Amino acid sequence: MGVTVDVAYKSLNKFNEVLCGDKVELLQTENSNIMILADGMGSGVKANILATLTSKILGTMFLNGATLEECVETIVETLPVCQVRQVAYSTFSILQVFHNGDAYLVEFDNPSCIFIRAGELVPIPQNIRVIQNKKINEYRFRVKKGDALVLMSDGTIHAGVGQLLNFGWLWEDIAAYALKQYRITISAIRLATALSRACDELYQFRPGDDTTVAVMRIIDRKPVHLMTGPARNPEDDTAMVADFMSGDEFTKRVVCGGTSANIVARTTKKSLDVSLDYNDPDIPPIAYIDGIELVTEGVLTLNRVLQLLRRYVKNEAVTEEFFLELDKPNGASMVAKMLIEDCTELKLYVGKAINSAYQNPGLPFDLGIRQNLVEQLKHTVEEMGKKVTVTYY
């Protein structure tokens, strides 16, 4: 079974702290995806350094095939010792999901993983190993499409302590809330944001501890093909469209640009129909071609898409208002939503013809607006943990 994952996380800084004492590391190997959540002792700069060191060391060693014992030993020997408590302390959780469906979970002093399958909670058994005097829970299991796994720092279970709740938000109550929010179609970022927002409300928007929720969902492959700009040589139009239209039944296709849309319509012998609905005065309306999921204008739309994706990558900007923006019926929001929530790998098909409406035709293509946008789009989507390939024509 080949599985693909949708991964996202949301962090809240302790009130009045600039840096977060939790750190999430998202990694990919040839045959797996890895999510590491480290929680440094205390808060602020010191906690941030501890968590960053822990997540980076664990990630680097895991990628190089180190054993769990070697990883923990290195963490114990590397982290600085707190002069007050006399311990080098950072808790962590590691979740590795292989493409064949095997999964591996390691937990050290973080709240237990919430494992949801088919609308039910799956208990995580206790298989304790003692390594360097530390009790570590280790669990090997199989995942199925539709599963959701939630890693948390202890800021979640401390939410509301001494304020709205006497003893904080109990793990059982968090799991029940996650189960209530869970739907087969919900994305990882929406589930993480819902849980994070609930914690923030319990803290009365003044978090008493760094709080992080990291979600991994097991999903089908969701490749997206995006074509923008005509080929430099018009004779290459047919080959460009043929490559763009390739793929399997999971592939979704997006065309950005009026000239590109006309080329696709002409080559595929399909009609191009432009919508008359102007939902956003700054973004031109979308169009329709049979067999293409989304047809939009080019540079203006891609520029807005890039702005939305950058807000998403920043993480702290992902709020309820962000999702309202993402759900708007304009071309840019629709493209951004697809890339964030409905895409596991992106293939860009980019024409190198010069459009004099957007730039000085005397400039080389490398300095053009479209090329600049494509490069920024590639890097931003890669920062989201997705694979991106670009083909120029």
Protein backbone atom coordinates (compact mmCIF):
# COMPACT_ATOMS: atom_id res chain seq x y z
CA MET A 1 0.00 0.00 0.00
CA GLY A 2 1.42 3.38 -0.97
CA VAL A 3 0.43 6.11 1.50
CA THR A 4 0.88 9.87 1.44
CA VAL A 5 0.62 12.26 4.36
CA ASP A 6 -0.81 15.71 4.99
CA VAL A 7 1.21 17.38 7.76
CA ALA A 8 0.72 20.69 9.59
CA TYR A 9 1.27 22.24 12.99
CA LYS A 10 0.23 25.30 14.99
CA SER A 11 2.11 26.84 17.91
CA LEU A 12 1.20 29.42 20.58
CA ASN A 13 3.98 31.31 22.34
CA LYS A 14 3.79 31.71 26.09
CA PHE A 15 2.25 35.09 26.84
CA ASN A 16 4.77 37.94 26.47
CA GLU A 17 7.42 35.65 24.94
CA VAL A 18 8.77 36.43 21.47
CA LEU A 19 10.18 32.93 20.85
CA CYS A 20 8.35 29.63 21.18
CA GLY A 21 9.85 26.94 23.43
CA ASP A 22 8.41 24.21 21.21
CA LYS A 23 9.90 23.18 17.88
CA VAL A 24 8.45 21.03 15.10
CA GLU A 25 10.71 19.47 12.46
CA LEU A 26 9.16 18.00 9.29
CA LEU A 27 11.44 15.70 7.27
CA GLN A 28 11.21 13.43 4.25
CA THR A 29 13.26 10.41 3.29
CA GLU A 30 12.97 8.36 0.11
CA ASN A 31 10.47 6.03 1.76
CA SER A 32 8.98 7.91 4.72
CA ASN A 33 7.79 11.15 6.31
CA ILE A 34 9.00 12.17 9.77
CA MET A 35 7.45 14.62 12.23
CA ILE A 36 9.37 15.58 15.38
CA LEU A 37 7.92 17.72 18.19
CA ALA A 38 10.37 18.89 20.87
CA ASP A 39 9.42 20.89 23.97
CA GLY A 40 12.29 22.68 25.71
CA MET A 41 12.21 23.16 29.48
CA GLY A 42 10.94 26.56 30.59
CA SER A 43 10.09 29.23 28.05
CA GLY A 44 11.62 31.95 25.92
CA VAL A 45 15.12 31.88 24.48
CA LYS A 46 16.46 29.02 26.61
CA ALA A 47 13.50 26.74 25.86
CA ASN A 48 13.69 27.62 22.18
CA ILE A 49 17.39 26.67 22.05
CA LEU A 50 16.76 23.39 23.89
CA ALA A 51 13.83 22.46 21.62
CA THR A 52 15.68 23.47 18.45
CA LEU A 53 18.78 21.48 19.41
CA THR A 54 16.66 18.44 20.27
CA SER A 55 14.60 18.48 17.07
CA LYS A 56 17.62 19.13 14.83
CA ILE A 57 19.75 16.42 16.45
CA LEU A 58 16.94 13.86 16.32
CA GLY A 59 16.09 14.75 12.73
CA THR A 60 19.67 14.62 11.49
CA MET A 61 20.40 11.33 13.24
CA PHE A 62 17.17 9.69 12.10
CA LEU A 63 17.88 10.71 8.51
CA ASN A 64 21.30 9.08 8.82
CA GLY A 65 19.94 5.79 10.16
CA ALA A 66 20.85 6.16 13.85
CA THR A 67 19.10 3.95 16.41
CA LEU A 68 16.79 5.34 19.07
CA GLU A 69 19.41 4.56 21.75
CA GLU A 70 22.04 6.55 19.86
CA CYS A 71 19.64 9.48 19.44
CA VAL A 72 18.69 9.64 23.12
CA GLU A 73 22.29 9.22 24.25
CA THR A 74 23.35 12.10 22.01
CA ILE A 75 20.52 14.31 23.31
CA VAL A 76 21.48 13.62 26.94
CA GLU A 77 25.17 14.34 26.30
CA THR A 78 24.62 17.40 24.10
CA LEU A 79 21.94 19.51 25.78
CA PRO A 80 23.20 22.06 28.32
CA VAL A 81 22.36 21.38 31.97
CA CYS A 82 19.98 23.72 33.81
CA GLN A 83 21.89 25.27 36.74
CA VAL A 84 18.69 25.44 38.84
CA ARG A 85 17.21 21.99 38.24
CA GLN A 86 20.47 20.23 37.32
CA VAL A 87 18.88 18.45 34.34
CA ALA A 88 19.32 18.78 30.58
CA TYR A 89 15.70 18.67 29.72
CA SER A 90 13.67 18.60 26.54
CA THR A 91 10.73 16.29 25.94
CA PHE A 92 10.02 14.98 22.46
CA SER A 93 7.72 12.92 20.25
CA ILE A 94 8.76 11.33 16.95
CA LEU A 95 6.33 10.00 14.36
CA GLN A 96 7.64 8.27 11.23
CA VAL A 97 5.23 6.98 8.58
CA PHE A 98 6.62 4.84 5.76
CA HIS A 99 5.11 4.79 2.29
CA ASN A 100 4.31 1.06 2.69
CA GLY A 101 1.99 1.87 5.63
CA ASP A 102 4.35 1.00 8.50
CA ALA A 103 4.54 3.59 11.28
CA TYR A 104 6.85 4.19 14.23
CA LEU A 105 6.02 6.38 17.24
CA VAL A 106 8.45 7.41 20.00
CA GLU A 107 7.31 9.47 23.01
CA PHE A 108 9.31 10.94 25.87
CA ASP A 109 7.32 12.88 28.50
CA ASN A 110 5.03 14.63 25.99
CA PRO A 111 1.27 14.03 26.18
CA SER A 112 0.38 10.79 24.42
CA CYS A 113 -0.39 10.85 20.69
CA ILE A 114 -4.08 11.05 19.75
CA PHE A 115 -4.73 8.35 17.14
CA ILE A 116 -8.04 8.61 15.26
CA ARG A 117 -9.26 5.96 12.83
CA ALA A 118 -12.70 5.82 11.18
CA GLY A 119 -14.13 8.25 13.73
CA GLU A 120 -12.86 6.29 16.73
CA LEU A 121 -9.92 6.70 19.11
CA VAL A 122 -7.22 4.04 18.86
CA PRO A 123 -5.38 3.51 22.20
CA ILE A 124 -1.58 3.78 22.15
CA PRO A 125 -0.19 0.80 24.11
CA GLN A 126 2.56 1.33 26.68
CA ASN A 127 5.80 -0.30 25.57
CA ILE A 128 8.29 1.41 27.88
CA ARG A 129 12.04 1.22 27.30
CA VAL A 130 14.59 2.75 29.66
CA ILE A 131 17.42 4.51 27.80
CA GLN A 132 19.95 6.65 29.68
CA ASN A 133 17.63 6.53 32.72
CA LYS A 134 14.79 7.96 30.64
CA LYS A 135 11.50 6.12 30.17
CA ILE A 136 10.58 6.13 26.50
CA ASN A 137 7.41 4.72 24.95
CA GLU A 138 7.90 3.03 21.58
CA TYR A 139 5.09 1.82 19.31
CA ARG A 140 5.18 0.19 15.89
CA PHE A 141 1.92 -0.11 13.97
CA ARG A 142 0.22 0.11 10.56
CA VAL A 143 -1.67 3.12 9.26
CA LYS A 144 -4.65 3.30 6.91
CA LYS A 145 -5.90 6.05 4.65
CA GLY A 146 -8.09 8.41 6.63
CA ASP A 147 -6.12 8.01 9.88
CA ALA A 148 -5.22 11.15 11.84
CA LEU A 149 -2.40 11.33 14.41
CA VAL A 150 -1.97 14.32 16.72
CA LEU A 151 1.25 15.11 18.63
CA MET A 152 1.10 17.73 21.41
CA SER A 153 3.34 19.61 23.82
CA ASP A 154 2.24 19.81 27.45
CA GLY A 155 0.92 23.33 26.94
CA THR A 156 -2.26 21.69 25.65
CA ILE A 157 -3.03 19.79 28.86
CA HIS A 158 -2.11 22.84 30.97
CA ALA A 159 -4.63 25.03 29.14
CA GLY A 160 -7.02 26.67 31.59
CA VAL A 161 -5.19 25.60 34.78
CA GLY A 162 -6.33 27.81 37.66
CA GLN A 163 -8.52 29.86 35.33
CA LEU A 164 -11.39 28.25 33.44
CA LEU A 165 -10.41 24.71 34.51
CA ASN A 166 -9.04 23.59 37.88
CA PHE A 167 -6.77 20.88 36.51
CA GLY A 168 -6.24 21.97 32.91
CA TRP A 169 -7.65 20.41 29.76
CA LEU A 170 -7.48 16.68 30.41
CA TRP A 171 -6.02 14.47 27.67
CA GLU A 172 -9.33 12.60 27.42
CA ASP A 173 -11.19 15.85 26.81
CA ILE A 174 -8.67 16.99 24.18
CA ALA A 175 -9.02 13.63 22.40
CA ALA A 176 -12.82 13.91 22.51
CA TYR A 177 -12.63 17.43 21.05
CA ALA A 178 -10.24 16.26 18.31
CA LEU A 179 -12.64 13.45 17.52
CA LYS A 180 -15.49 15.94 17.27
CA GLN A 181 -13.47 18.13 14.87
CA TYR A 182 -12.26 15.14 12.84
CA ARG A 183 -13.83 14.56 9.44
CA ILE A 184 -12.55 12.45 6.57
CA THR A 185 -12.23 15.58 4.43
CA ILE A 186 -10.69 17.96 7.00
CA SER A 187 -7.09 18.98 6.32
CA ALA A 188 -4.26 18.67 8.84
CA ILE A 189 -3.91 22.45 9.15
CA ARG A 190 -7.61 22.96 9.94
CA LEU A 191 -7.55 20.23 12.61
CA ALA A 192 -4.34 21.65 14.15
CA THR A 193 -5.76 25.18 14.09
CA ALA A 194 -9.05 24.09 15.72
CA LEU A 195 -7.21 22.41 18.61
CA SER A 196 -4.79 25.32 18.99
CA ARG A 197 -7.63 27.85 19.00
CA ALA A 198 -9.44 25.88 21.73
CA CYS A 199 -6.27 25.94 23.86
CA ASP A 200 -5.90 29.69 23.31
CA GLU A 201 -9.49 30.26 24.43
CA LEU A 202 -8.96 28.19 27.59
CA TYR A 203 -5.88 30.29 28.34
CA GLN A 204 -8.13 33.35 27.79
CA PHE A 205 -5.73 34.34 24.99
CA ARG A 206 -2.82 34.69 27.43
CA PRO A 207 -1.07 31.28 27.12
CA GLY A 208 0.66 30.24 30.34
CA ASP A 209 2.92 27.83 28.46
CA ASP A 210 4.20 27.27 24.94
CA THR A 211 1.53 25.19 23.21
CA THR A 212 1.94 23.17 20.00
CA VAL A 213 -0.35 20.82 18.11
CA ALA A 214 1.12 18.85 15.18
CA VAL A 215 -1.15 16.76 12.95
CA MET A 216 -0.34 14.06 10.40
CA ARG A 217 -3.17 12.68 8.25
CA ILE A 218 -2.90 9.64 5.99
CA ILE A 219 -4.38 10.51 2.62
CA ASP A 220 -4.46 9.60 -1.06
CA ARG A 221 -1.87 11.08 -3.41
CA LYS A 222 -2.98 14.50 -4.59
CA PRO A 223 -0.73 15.67 -7.43
CA VAL A 224 -1.44 19.11 -8.90
CA HIS A 225 -0.29 20.23 -12.36
CA LEU A 226 -0.12 24.01 -12.83
CA MET A 227 0.53 25.58 -16.24
CA THR A 228 1.36 29.24 -16.71
CA GLY A 229 2.68 31.20 -19.68
CA PRO A 230 2.99 30.24 -23.35
CA ALA A 231 6.04 28.38 -24.63
CA ARG A 232 8.85 30.50 -26.09
CA ASN A 233 8.48 28.58 -29.35
CA PRO A 234 4.79 28.26 -30.40
CA GLU A 235 5.64 24.89 -31.95
CA ASP A 236 6.12 23.56 -28.40
CA ASP A 237 2.56 24.41 -27.33
CA THR A 238 1.26 20.92 -28.15
CA ALA A 239 4.03 19.15 -26.21
CA MET A 240 3.57 21.51 -23.25
CA VAL A 241 -0.18 20.86 -23.07
CA ALA A 242 0.34 17.10 -23.49
CA ASP A 243 2.74 17.07 -20.50
CA PHE A 244 0.36 19.25 -18.50
CA MET A 245 -2.58 16.92 -19.23
CA SER A 246 -0.60 13.80 -18.29
CA GLY A 247 -1.13 12.08 -14.95
CA ASP A 248 -3.58 9.68 -13.34
CA GLU A 249 -7.11 9.88 -11.93
CA PHE A 250 -5.81 11.67 -8.80
CA THR A 251 -4.24 14.55 -10.75
CA LYS A 252 -5.80 18.02 -10.58
CA ARG A 253 -4.95 20.66 -13.17
CA VAL A 254 -4.77 24.44 -12.90
CA VAL A 255 -4.15 26.95 -15.70
CA CYS A 256 -2.98 30.45 -14.72
CA GLY A 257 -3.01 32.96 -17.55
CA GLY A 258 -5.35 34.00 -20.36
CA THR A 259 -2.97 33.08 -23.17
CA SER A 260 -2.22 29.74 -21.50
CA ALA A 261 -5.94 29.04 -21.19
CA ASN A 262 -6.48 29.75 -24.88
CA ILE A 263 -3.60 27.42 -25.79
CA VAL A 264 -5.04 24.60 -23.64
CA ALA A 265 -8.54 25.10 -25.05
CA ARG A 266 -7.27 25.16 -28.63
CA THR A 267 -4.99 22.15 -28.22
CA THR A 268 -7.56 20.01 -26.39
CA LYS A 269 -10.38 21.24 -28.68
CA LYS A 270 -12.46 22.30 -25.67
CA SER A 271 -14.42 25.51 -25.23
CA LEU A 272 -13.16 28.27 -22.92
CA ASP A 273 -15.92 30.03 -20.97
CA VAL A 274 -15.17 33.05 -18.79
CA SER A 275 -17.16 33.63 -15.60
CA LEU A 276 -18.94 36.95 -15.30
CA ASP A 277 -18.76 36.95 -11.48
CA TYR A 278 -16.32 39.51 -10.07
CA ASN A 279 -15.99 38.33 -6.48
CA ASP A 280 -12.87 40.42 -5.83
CA PRO A 281 -12.18 43.69 -7.69
CA ASP A 282 -8.42 43.07 -7.46
CA ILE A 283 -8.53 39.55 -8.92
CA PRO A 284 -9.82 38.85 -12.46
CA PRO A 285 -12.63 36.27 -12.69
CA ILE A 286 -12.01 32.58 -13.28
CA ALA A 287 -12.86 30.65 -16.45
CA TYR A 288 -13.87 27.09 -17.29
CA ILE A 289 -12.41 24.40 -19.56
CA ASP A 290 -13.85 20.90 -19.51
CA GLY A 291 -11.39 18.55 -17.75
CA ILE A 292 -9.49 21.38 -16.01
CA GLU A 293 -10.23 21.93 -12.31
CA LEU A 294 -9.38 25.64 -12.29
CA VAL A 295 -8.63 28.33 -14.88
CA THR A 296 -7.48 31.78 -13.68
CA GLU A 297 -5.72 34.93 -14.81
CA GLY A 298 -1.92 34.84 -14.58
CA VAL A 299 0.41 37.27 -12.81
CA LEU A 300 -2.07 39.14 -10.59
CA THR A 301 -3.60 35.89 -9.40
CA LEU A 302 -0.27 34.15 -8.78
CA ASN A 303 0.96 37.15 -6.81
CA ARG A 304 -2.05 36.91 -4.45
CA VAL A 305 -1.58 33.12 -4.23
CA LEU A 306 2.01 33.70 -3.13
CA GLN A 307 0.90 36.17 -0.45
CA LEU A 308 -1.56 33.62 0.98
CA LEU A 309 0.98 30.79 0.92
CA ARG A 310 3.55 32.94 2.74
CA ARG A 311 1.02 33.70 5.47
CA TYR A 312 0.48 29.95 5.79
CA VAL A 313 4.21 29.20 5.98
CA LYS A 314 4.63 31.80 8.75
CA ASN A 315 2.22 29.64 10.80
CA GLU A 316 1.30 32.34 13.33
CA ALA A 317 -0.79 34.06 10.63
CA VAL A 318 -3.02 30.99 10.20
CA THR A 319 -6.18 32.07 12.01
CA GLU A 320 -9.91 31.76 11.47
CA GLU A 321 -9.71 34.91 9.32
CA PHE A 322 -7.07 33.22 7.17
CA PHE A 323 -9.40 30.31 6.45
CA LEU A 324 -12.23 32.72 5.63
CA GLU A 325 -9.87 34.32 3.09
CA LEU A 326 -8.93 30.86 1.77
CA ASP A 327 -12.60 29.92 1.29
CA LYS A 328 -13.43 32.98 -0.83
CA PRO A 329 -14.67 32.20 -4.37
CA ASN A 330 -11.93 34.10 -6.23
CA GLY A 331 -9.21 32.53 -8.38
CA ALA A 332 -6.29 33.28 -6.04
CA SER A 333 -7.97 31.88 -2.93
CA MET A 334 -9.06 28.79 -4.85
CA VAL A 335 -5.53 28.09 -6.11
CA ALA A 336 -4.00 28.72 -2.67
CA LYS A 337 -6.57 26.48 -0.98
CA MET A 338 -5.83 23.68 -3.45
CA LEU A 339 -2.06 23.97 -2.88
CA ILE A 340 -2.44 24.04 0.92
CA GLU A 341 -5.19 21.48 1.48
CA ASP A 342 -5.53 19.41 -1.65
CA CYS A 343 -1.98 18.90 -2.94
CA THR A 344 0.82 16.50 -2.01
CA GLU A 345 3.12 17.23 -4.96
CA LEU A 346 3.20 20.11 -7.44
CA LYS A 347 4.37 20.06 -11.05
CA LEU A 348 4.80 23.45 -12.70
CA TYR A 349 4.75 23.77 -16.50
CA VAL A 350 6.12 27.21 -17.32
CA GLY A 351 6.29 28.90 -20.71
CA LYS A 352 9.25 31.20 -21.32
CA ALA A 353 7.64 33.50 -23.87
CA ILE A 354 7.91 37.19 -22.95
CA ASN A 355 4.64 39.00 -22.17
CA SER A 356 5.20 42.69 -22.90
CA ALA A 357 2.15 43.61 -20.81
CA TYR A 358 3.99 42.60 -17.64
CA GLN A 359 7.61 43.53 -18.29
CA ASN A 360 10.21 45.12 -20.49
CA PRO A 361 10.57 42.73 -23.46
CA GLY A 362 14.24 43.64 -23.56
CA LEU A 363 14.87 41.87 -20.25
CA PRO A 364 15.93 38.22 -20.24
CA PHE A 365 13.36 35.66 -19.06
CA ASP A 366 15.26 35.06 -15.81
CA LEU A 367 14.48 38.65 -14.75
CA GLY A 368 10.82 38.50 -15.78
CA ILE A 369 7.89 38.88 -13.39
CA ARG A 370 6.44 35.46 -14.18
CA GLN A 371 9.78 33.71 -13.71
CA ASN A 372 10.24 35.49 -10.40
CA LEU A 373 6.78 34.45 -9.23
CA VAL A 374 7.36 30.84 -10.31
CA GLU A 375 10.65 30.63 -8.39
CA GLN A 376 9.07 32.13 -5.27
CA LEU A 377 6.07 29.81 -5.60
CA LYS A 378 8.37 26.79 -5.91
CA HIS A 379 10.36 27.68 -2.78
CA THR A 380 7.25 28.53 -0.74
CA VAL A 381 5.45 25.27 -1.59
CA GLU A 382 8.64 23.34 -0.77
CA GLU A 383 8.68 25.09 2.63
CA MET A 384 5.20 23.61 3.11
CA GLY A 385 6.81 20.15 2.89
CA LYS A 386 5.61 19.31 -0.61
CA LYS A 387 7.65 18.11 -3.57
CA VAL A 388 7.84 20.58 -6.47
CA THR A 389 9.19 20.08 -10.01
CA VAL A 390 9.40 22.76 -12.69
CA THR A 391 9.54 22.20 -16.44
CA TYR A 392 10.26 25.14 -18.78
CA TYR A 393 9.26 25.42 -22.43
